[in-house]
Structures are given as C-alpha cells and as structure tokens.
N, C-alpha and C. Protein backbone atom coordinates (compact mmCIF):
# COMPACT_ATOMS: atom_id res chain seq x y z
N UNK A 1 123.11 149.26 76.35
CA UNK A 1 121.89 149.43 77.20
C UNK A 1 121.53 150.77 76.81
N UNK A 2 120.09 150.81 76.78
CA UNK A 2 119.42 152.09 76.20
C UNK A 2 119.58 153.06 77.42
N UNK A 3 119.88 154.40 77.05
CA UNK A 3 119.94 155.40 78.02
C UNK A 3 121.18 155.43 78.95
N UNK A 4 122.00 154.50 78.68
CA UNK A 4 123.25 154.61 79.52
C UNK A 4 124.25 155.47 79.17
N UNK A 5 124.93 156.14 79.95
CA UNK A 5 126.04 156.97 79.73
C UNK A 5 127.23 156.57 80.59
N UNK A 6 128.37 156.49 79.88
CA UNK A 6 129.62 156.13 80.59
C UNK A 6 130.40 157.57 80.46
N UNK A 7 130.80 158.01 81.63
CA UNK A 7 131.50 159.43 81.57
C UNK A 7 132.52 159.48 82.82
N UNK A 8 133.20 160.72 82.81
CA UNK A 8 134.09 160.86 83.83
C UNK A 8 133.38 161.11 85.20
N UNK A 9 133.82 160.56 86.29
CA UNK A 9 133.19 160.67 87.48
C UNK A 9 133.55 162.15 88.06
N UNK A 10 132.63 162.85 88.48
CA UNK A 10 132.83 164.31 89.02
C UNK A 10 132.37 164.20 90.45
N UNK A 11 132.93 165.23 91.25
CA UNK A 11 132.44 165.18 92.73
C UNK A 11 131.02 165.21 92.80
N UNK A 12 130.30 165.98 91.84
CA UNK A 12 128.97 166.11 91.97
C UNK A 12 128.17 164.82 91.90
N UNK A 13 128.86 163.81 91.45
CA UNK A 13 128.22 162.45 91.56
C UNK A 13 128.34 161.79 92.89
N UNK A 14 129.10 162.37 93.75
CA UNK A 14 129.57 161.71 95.11
C UNK A 14 128.32 160.99 95.76
N UNK A 15 127.25 161.65 96.12
CA UNK A 15 126.17 161.16 96.96
C UNK A 15 125.54 159.85 96.42
N UNK A 16 125.50 159.96 94.89
CA UNK A 16 125.01 158.85 94.11
C UNK A 16 125.92 157.65 94.16
N UNK A 17 127.29 157.98 94.09
CA UNK A 17 128.37 157.00 94.04
C UNK A 17 128.36 156.34 95.26
N UNK A 18 128.32 157.05 96.46
CA UNK A 18 128.47 156.59 97.83
C UNK A 18 127.37 155.54 98.12
N UNK A 19 126.14 155.86 97.58
CA UNK A 19 125.05 154.98 97.78
C UNK A 19 125.34 153.76 97.01
N UNK A 20 125.65 153.73 95.83
CA UNK A 20 125.99 152.42 95.02
C UNK A 20 127.08 151.62 95.86
N UNK A 21 128.16 152.32 96.26
CA UNK A 21 129.25 151.63 96.89
C UNK A 21 128.71 150.92 98.07
N UNK A 22 127.87 151.65 98.92
CA UNK A 22 127.23 151.03 100.08
C UNK A 22 126.39 149.77 99.76
N UNK A 23 125.71 149.97 98.77
CA UNK A 23 124.69 148.85 98.45
C UNK A 23 125.68 147.59 97.77
N UNK A 24 126.45 147.96 96.82
CA UNK A 24 127.12 147.01 96.03
C UNK A 24 128.20 146.31 96.84
N UNK A 25 128.97 147.10 97.67
CA UNK A 25 130.10 146.40 98.27
C UNK A 25 130.10 146.46 99.85
N UNK A 26 128.98 146.85 100.38
CA UNK A 26 128.79 146.78 101.84
C UNK A 26 129.90 147.07 102.65
N UNK A 27 130.29 146.18 103.58
CA UNK A 27 131.46 146.62 104.48
C UNK A 27 132.72 146.62 103.89
N UNK A 28 132.89 146.08 102.64
CA UNK A 28 134.16 146.23 101.94
C UNK A 28 134.69 147.59 101.58
N UNK A 29 133.63 148.59 101.66
CA UNK A 29 134.05 149.81 101.62
C UNK A 29 133.72 150.89 102.70
N UNK A 30 134.62 151.83 103.01
CA UNK A 30 134.32 152.59 104.24
C UNK A 30 134.02 154.10 103.75
N UNK A 31 132.80 154.49 103.96
CA UNK A 31 132.47 155.79 103.53
C UNK A 31 133.18 156.87 104.39
N UNK A 32 133.44 156.39 105.65
CA UNK A 32 134.17 157.38 106.50
C UNK A 32 135.70 157.70 105.96
N UNK A 33 136.17 156.61 105.55
CA UNK A 33 137.57 156.68 104.70
C UNK A 33 137.32 157.46 103.46
N UNK A 34 136.39 156.99 102.61
CA UNK A 34 136.04 157.44 101.20
C UNK A 34 135.06 158.61 101.23
N UNK A 35 135.47 159.63 102.21
CA UNK A 35 134.61 160.86 102.38
C UNK A 35 134.60 161.80 101.09
N UNK A 36 133.71 162.57 101.13
CA UNK A 36 133.49 163.63 99.99
C UNK A 36 134.71 164.21 99.88
N UNK A 37 135.47 164.66 101.00
CA UNK A 37 136.69 165.42 100.94
C UNK A 37 137.82 164.64 100.24
N UNK A 38 137.87 163.32 100.63
CA UNK A 38 138.98 162.55 100.22
C UNK A 38 138.78 162.16 98.80
N UNK A 39 137.55 161.96 98.25
CA UNK A 39 137.22 161.65 96.92
C UNK A 39 137.42 162.75 96.04
N UNK A 40 137.06 163.82 96.54
CA UNK A 40 137.26 165.31 95.79
C UNK A 40 138.71 165.50 95.46
N UNK A 41 139.60 165.18 96.63
CA UNK A 41 141.00 165.29 96.37
C UNK A 41 141.57 164.30 95.40
N UNK A 42 141.09 163.09 95.40
CA UNK A 42 141.51 161.97 94.47
C UNK A 42 141.06 162.37 93.07
N UNK A 43 139.96 162.91 92.94
CA UNK A 43 139.52 163.28 91.50
C UNK A 43 140.30 164.37 91.04
N UNK A 44 140.63 165.29 91.91
CA UNK A 44 141.53 166.58 91.52
C UNK A 44 142.90 166.13 91.11
N UNK A 45 143.47 165.07 91.81
CA UNK A 45 144.87 164.62 91.63
C UNK A 45 144.97 163.81 90.33
N UNK A 46 143.66 163.20 89.91
CA UNK A 46 143.64 162.29 88.71
C UNK A 46 142.44 162.57 87.88
N UNK A 47 142.49 163.95 87.28
CA UNK A 47 141.37 164.43 86.50
C UNK A 47 140.89 163.47 85.38
N UNK A 48 139.65 163.26 85.35
CA UNK A 48 138.93 162.51 84.16
C UNK A 48 139.24 161.04 84.06
N UNK A 49 140.12 160.48 85.17
CA UNK A 49 140.41 159.04 85.15
C UNK A 49 139.30 158.16 85.76
N UNK A 50 138.70 158.61 86.72
CA UNK A 50 137.60 157.71 87.12
C UNK A 50 136.38 157.76 86.38
N UNK A 51 135.53 156.97 86.46
CA UNK A 51 134.44 156.63 85.54
C UNK A 51 133.12 156.20 86.34
N UNK A 52 131.93 156.79 85.86
CA UNK A 52 130.67 156.32 86.21
C UNK A 52 129.98 155.87 84.97
N UNK A 53 128.85 155.01 85.24
CA UNK A 53 127.92 154.55 84.42
C UNK A 53 126.66 155.02 84.95
N UNK A 54 125.82 155.77 84.04
CA UNK A 54 124.71 156.30 84.69
C UNK A 54 123.48 155.79 83.76
N UNK A 55 122.35 155.66 84.31
CA UNK A 55 121.03 155.26 83.55
C UNK A 55 120.06 156.04 84.21
N UNK A 56 119.39 156.93 83.41
CA UNK A 56 118.21 157.84 83.98
C UNK A 56 118.80 158.71 85.09
N UNK A 57 120.08 159.23 85.02
CA UNK A 57 120.67 160.15 86.11
C UNK A 57 120.91 159.27 87.38
N UNK A 58 120.72 157.94 87.42
CA UNK A 58 121.16 157.18 88.46
C UNK A 58 122.57 156.42 88.19
N UNK A 59 123.46 156.60 89.05
CA UNK A 59 124.73 155.95 89.05
C UNK A 59 124.54 154.42 89.16
N UNK A 60 124.98 153.62 88.28
CA UNK A 60 124.84 152.36 88.25
C UNK A 60 126.17 151.57 88.14
N UNK A 61 127.31 152.30 88.07
CA UNK A 61 128.50 151.66 88.08
C UNK A 61 129.75 152.74 88.40
N UNK A 62 130.87 152.21 88.97
CA UNK A 62 131.90 153.32 89.13
C UNK A 62 133.13 152.58 89.10
N UNK A 63 134.31 153.32 88.66
CA UNK A 63 135.59 152.84 88.71
C UNK A 63 136.36 154.09 89.24
N UNK A 64 136.98 153.93 90.34
CA UNK A 64 137.92 155.02 90.90
C UNK A 64 139.27 154.74 90.38
N UNK A 65 139.88 155.64 89.48
CA UNK A 65 141.10 155.31 88.82
C UNK A 65 141.99 156.36 89.08
N UNK A 66 143.31 156.08 89.11
CA UNK A 66 144.38 157.03 89.28
C UNK A 66 145.76 156.50 88.97
N UNK A 67 146.82 157.08 89.01
CA UNK A 67 148.05 156.66 88.91
C UNK A 67 149.13 157.22 89.59
N UNK A 68 150.32 156.62 89.84
CA UNK A 68 151.44 157.24 90.63
C UNK A 68 152.62 157.62 89.65
N UNK A 69 152.38 157.82 88.30
CA UNK A 69 153.24 158.14 87.43
C UNK A 69 153.98 157.11 86.66
N UNK A 70 153.65 155.67 87.33
CA UNK A 70 154.29 154.50 86.42
C UNK A 70 153.31 153.31 86.42
N UNK A 71 152.30 153.39 87.50
CA UNK A 71 151.30 152.27 87.29
C UNK A 71 149.96 152.77 87.76
N UNK A 72 148.87 152.26 86.99
CA UNK A 72 147.52 152.66 87.39
C UNK A 72 146.95 151.89 88.41
N UNK A 73 145.86 152.44 89.10
CA UNK A 73 145.27 151.65 90.02
C UNK A 73 143.67 151.87 89.93
N UNK A 74 142.89 150.75 89.94
CA UNK A 74 141.56 150.94 89.85
C UNK A 74 141.09 150.37 91.09
N UNK A 75 140.11 151.12 91.76
CA UNK A 75 139.58 150.91 93.07
C UNK A 75 138.05 151.04 92.81
N UNK A 76 137.33 150.28 93.68
CA UNK A 76 135.89 150.42 93.89
C UNK A 76 135.13 150.34 92.45
N UNK A 77 135.53 149.22 91.74
CA UNK A 77 134.77 148.84 90.55
C UNK A 77 133.52 148.16 90.83
N UNK A 78 132.54 148.86 90.78
CA UNK A 78 131.28 148.40 91.25
C UNK A 78 130.23 148.65 90.07
N UNK A 79 129.18 147.72 90.10
CA UNK A 79 128.09 147.76 89.27
C UNK A 79 126.87 147.26 90.11
N UNK A 80 125.81 148.09 90.01
CA UNK A 80 124.55 147.72 90.66
C UNK A 80 123.95 146.38 90.12
N UNK A 81 123.38 145.57 91.13
CA UNK A 81 123.03 144.18 90.73
C UNK A 81 122.36 144.05 89.51
N UNK A 82 121.23 144.98 89.43
CA UNK A 82 120.42 144.97 88.14
C UNK A 82 121.16 145.09 86.85
N UNK A 83 122.48 145.71 86.87
CA UNK A 83 122.94 146.15 85.47
C UNK A 83 124.32 145.21 85.31
N UNK A 84 124.48 144.13 86.25
CA UNK A 84 125.78 143.37 86.16
C UNK A 84 125.52 142.46 84.87
N UNK A 85 126.51 141.92 84.26
CA UNK A 85 126.50 141.02 83.29
C UNK A 85 126.07 141.56 81.93
N UNK A 86 126.05 143.00 81.75
CA UNK A 86 125.59 143.73 80.59
C UNK A 86 126.80 144.54 79.93
N UNK A 87 128.14 144.30 80.39
CA UNK A 87 129.10 144.89 79.84
C UNK A 87 129.47 146.29 80.48
N UNK A 88 128.82 146.67 81.63
CA UNK A 88 129.03 147.99 82.08
C UNK A 88 130.33 148.07 82.72
N UNK A 89 130.84 147.03 83.50
CA UNK A 89 132.20 147.05 84.11
C UNK A 89 133.07 147.21 82.99
N UNK A 90 133.03 146.37 81.89
CA UNK A 90 134.12 146.43 80.80
C UNK A 90 134.15 147.75 80.16
N UNK A 91 133.13 148.36 79.95
CA UNK A 91 132.88 149.71 79.36
C UNK A 91 133.72 150.75 80.29
N UNK A 92 133.33 150.75 81.55
CA UNK A 92 133.92 151.73 82.53
C UNK A 92 135.51 151.46 82.56
N UNK A 93 135.76 150.33 82.73
CA UNK A 93 137.30 149.90 82.86
C UNK A 93 138.01 150.34 81.69
N UNK A 94 137.51 150.03 80.32
CA UNK A 94 138.10 150.40 79.16
C UNK A 94 138.30 151.80 79.03
N UNK A 95 137.30 152.69 79.61
CA UNK A 95 137.33 154.15 79.49
C UNK A 95 138.54 154.64 80.30
N UNK A 96 138.65 154.05 81.55
CA UNK A 96 139.60 154.39 82.41
C UNK A 96 141.06 154.05 82.05
N UNK A 97 141.10 152.77 81.52
CA UNK A 97 142.44 152.41 80.99
C UNK A 97 142.94 153.18 79.80
N UNK A 98 141.90 153.67 79.00
CA UNK A 98 142.20 154.73 77.88
C UNK A 98 142.73 155.93 78.38
N UNK A 99 142.22 156.37 79.48
CA UNK A 99 142.65 157.66 80.06
C UNK A 99 144.06 157.36 80.62
N UNK A 100 144.42 156.29 81.23
CA UNK A 100 145.84 156.02 81.81
C UNK A 100 146.68 155.94 80.63
N UNK A 101 146.28 155.26 79.47
CA UNK A 101 147.17 155.10 78.48
C UNK A 101 147.55 156.64 77.82
N UNK A 102 146.55 157.57 77.72
CA UNK A 102 146.81 158.89 77.27
C UNK A 102 147.98 159.48 78.18
N UNK A 103 148.13 159.14 79.33
CA UNK A 103 149.06 159.72 80.31
C UNK A 103 150.41 158.85 80.21
N UNK A 104 150.47 158.03 79.31
CA UNK A 104 151.69 157.05 79.18
C UNK A 104 151.72 155.91 80.20
N UNK A 105 150.72 155.52 80.87
CA UNK A 105 150.72 154.57 81.85
C UNK A 105 150.11 153.29 81.08
N UNK A 106 150.97 152.20 81.00
CA UNK A 106 150.38 150.97 80.37
C UNK A 106 150.37 149.64 81.25
N UNK A 107 150.21 149.98 82.46
CA UNK A 107 150.22 148.91 83.43
C UNK A 107 149.11 149.35 84.60
N UNK A 108 148.24 148.48 85.03
CA UNK A 108 147.45 148.86 86.01
C UNK A 108 147.24 147.65 86.92
N UNK A 109 146.78 147.87 88.18
CA UNK A 109 146.29 146.88 89.17
C UNK A 109 144.96 147.18 89.52
N UNK A 110 144.15 146.22 89.78
CA UNK A 110 142.79 146.30 90.16
C UNK A 110 142.52 145.53 91.52
N UNK A 111 141.83 146.17 92.48
CA UNK A 111 141.57 145.50 93.80
C UNK A 111 140.19 144.96 93.79
N UNK A 112 140.30 143.72 94.26
CA UNK A 112 138.90 142.94 94.43
C UNK A 112 138.94 142.22 95.76
N UNK A 113 137.84 142.47 96.46
CA UNK A 113 137.95 141.85 97.92
C UNK A 113 137.95 140.23 97.72
N UNK A 114 138.70 139.60 98.34
CA UNK A 114 138.98 138.25 98.20
C UNK A 114 137.74 137.46 98.48
N UNK A 115 136.95 137.99 99.32
CA UNK A 115 135.65 137.19 99.61
C UNK A 115 134.68 137.42 98.63
N UNK A 116 134.78 138.44 97.64
CA UNK A 116 133.74 138.66 96.71
C UNK A 116 134.12 137.69 95.45
N UNK A 117 133.85 136.52 95.62
CA UNK A 117 134.21 135.41 94.65
C UNK A 117 133.76 135.64 93.33
N UNK A 118 132.52 136.22 93.13
CA UNK A 118 132.08 136.61 91.84
C UNK A 118 132.95 137.60 91.09
N UNK A 119 133.29 138.65 91.78
CA UNK A 119 134.19 139.61 91.31
C UNK A 119 135.64 139.08 91.07
N UNK A 120 136.21 138.19 91.87
CA UNK A 120 137.53 137.61 91.68
C UNK A 120 137.37 136.86 90.37
N UNK A 121 136.31 135.92 90.16
CA UNK A 121 136.25 135.32 88.97
C UNK A 121 135.86 136.07 87.79
N UNK A 122 135.27 136.96 87.85
CA UNK A 122 134.87 138.04 86.76
C UNK A 122 136.29 138.52 86.29
N UNK A 123 137.10 139.10 87.13
CA UNK A 123 138.28 139.69 86.60
C UNK A 123 139.19 138.69 86.06
N UNK A 124 139.39 137.57 86.77
CA UNK A 124 140.19 136.56 86.26
C UNK A 124 139.81 136.00 84.70
N UNK A 125 138.43 135.94 84.32
CA UNK A 125 137.94 135.73 83.01
C UNK A 125 138.21 136.86 82.11
N UNK A 126 138.35 138.10 82.73
CA UNK A 126 138.56 139.30 81.97
C UNK A 126 139.81 139.55 81.60
N UNK A 127 140.78 138.71 81.94
CA UNK A 127 142.28 138.93 81.60
C UNK A 127 143.01 139.72 82.69
N UNK A 128 142.38 139.71 83.99
CA UNK A 128 143.23 140.18 85.08
C UNK A 128 143.58 139.15 86.09
N UNK A 129 144.76 138.49 85.83
CA UNK A 129 145.04 137.46 86.75
C UNK A 129 145.46 137.89 88.16
N UNK A 130 145.27 137.04 89.19
CA UNK A 130 145.64 137.55 90.58
C UNK A 130 146.95 137.06 90.70
N UNK A 131 147.66 137.79 91.69
CA UNK A 131 149.10 137.47 92.12
C UNK A 131 149.04 137.05 93.68
N UNK A 132 148.83 135.69 93.85
CA UNK A 132 148.71 135.26 95.28
C UNK A 132 150.09 135.44 95.95
N UNK A 133 151.16 135.66 95.33
CA UNK A 133 152.27 135.81 96.01
C UNK A 133 152.68 137.27 96.40
N UNK A 134 151.74 138.08 96.12
CA UNK A 134 151.80 139.46 96.48
C UNK A 134 150.81 139.74 97.89
N UNK A 135 151.36 140.36 98.80
CA UNK A 135 150.61 140.52 99.96
C UNK A 135 150.26 142.05 100.20
N UNK A 136 149.15 142.42 100.27
CA UNK A 136 148.94 143.91 100.43
C UNK A 136 149.02 144.39 101.85
N UNK A 137 150.00 145.30 102.18
CA UNK A 137 149.98 145.73 103.47
C UNK A 137 149.48 147.22 103.69
N UNK A 138 148.87 147.45 104.81
CA UNK A 138 148.23 148.62 105.18
C UNK A 138 148.71 149.35 106.42
N UNK A 139 148.87 150.59 106.48
CA UNK A 139 149.34 151.13 107.91
C UNK A 139 148.58 152.59 107.77
N UNK A 140 147.93 152.71 109.04
CA UNK A 140 147.36 154.11 109.03
C UNK A 140 148.28 154.71 109.98
N UNK A 141 148.36 156.10 109.69
CA UNK A 141 149.42 157.02 110.49
C UNK A 141 148.77 158.35 110.58
C-alpha cells in the first residue's frame, strides 16, 4: 500500500490508536482499562514489540504485543475497515512476531472476540487455530 508505514507503537500514538480501537472494536475494548497510563507502562515493559500501521500519519492498524518470558501475547489486533484485506494485519503481526523471536520467544497466543466472526475466521485461515478446550478466566482485584 502506497505511503504505508509499519513501525513500533510508541506512546505518542496513543490518541490515534485509541480512536482506531474504539471504531474498529467498539465495546470489545475498554479505553478506561486501556488508559494512556496502562498502555505507556505496557509499552515500557515490552519495548518495540507492539506495532502500528500508518498511512498519512493516520493509525490504520495496531498490534499490542508483549511476553511473559516464555510465551508472547497479541492483543488488540485491529485494522480500520477501509484498510482490511490488504495485508496490513499480516505485516503488523509478522513484525511483532519477529520482535518476539529476537527475545527467544517462539510461541504466541492471539485474542479475538468470539462474536467477531470475521476476525475468528481470518485468524483460523492465517494459521492461528482456536483452542475451544481452553477457557479464559478473568479476575479484577
């Protein structure tokens, strides 16, 4: 895509990233939870791992990526509707996976909201099978 830049997400991208998340993921993302402060801390703990796609200074895609020392995790993989089906997600994910590999991490999980049928199907076709026998548990404390 002409004029597209794939690069590390920086906290300076936050406002544009949050705008994309709200538009692309709606209620599946909480900007109260994913506040500037939390994303800044996440990026600091996982330097250069997260990725944005930009066209003309507009954020058109994101991958929030980090690891726990043994397994990588990809959150908030999102692409603006007008830039989907153009390889943007693939390029961003490849960049983030390459960063994980440089850290010695060779396994990653990716979260997709179960009601986002298009995303679930996209990741299955892209070689990311789902594991229906794993139940994700969440506890706030």
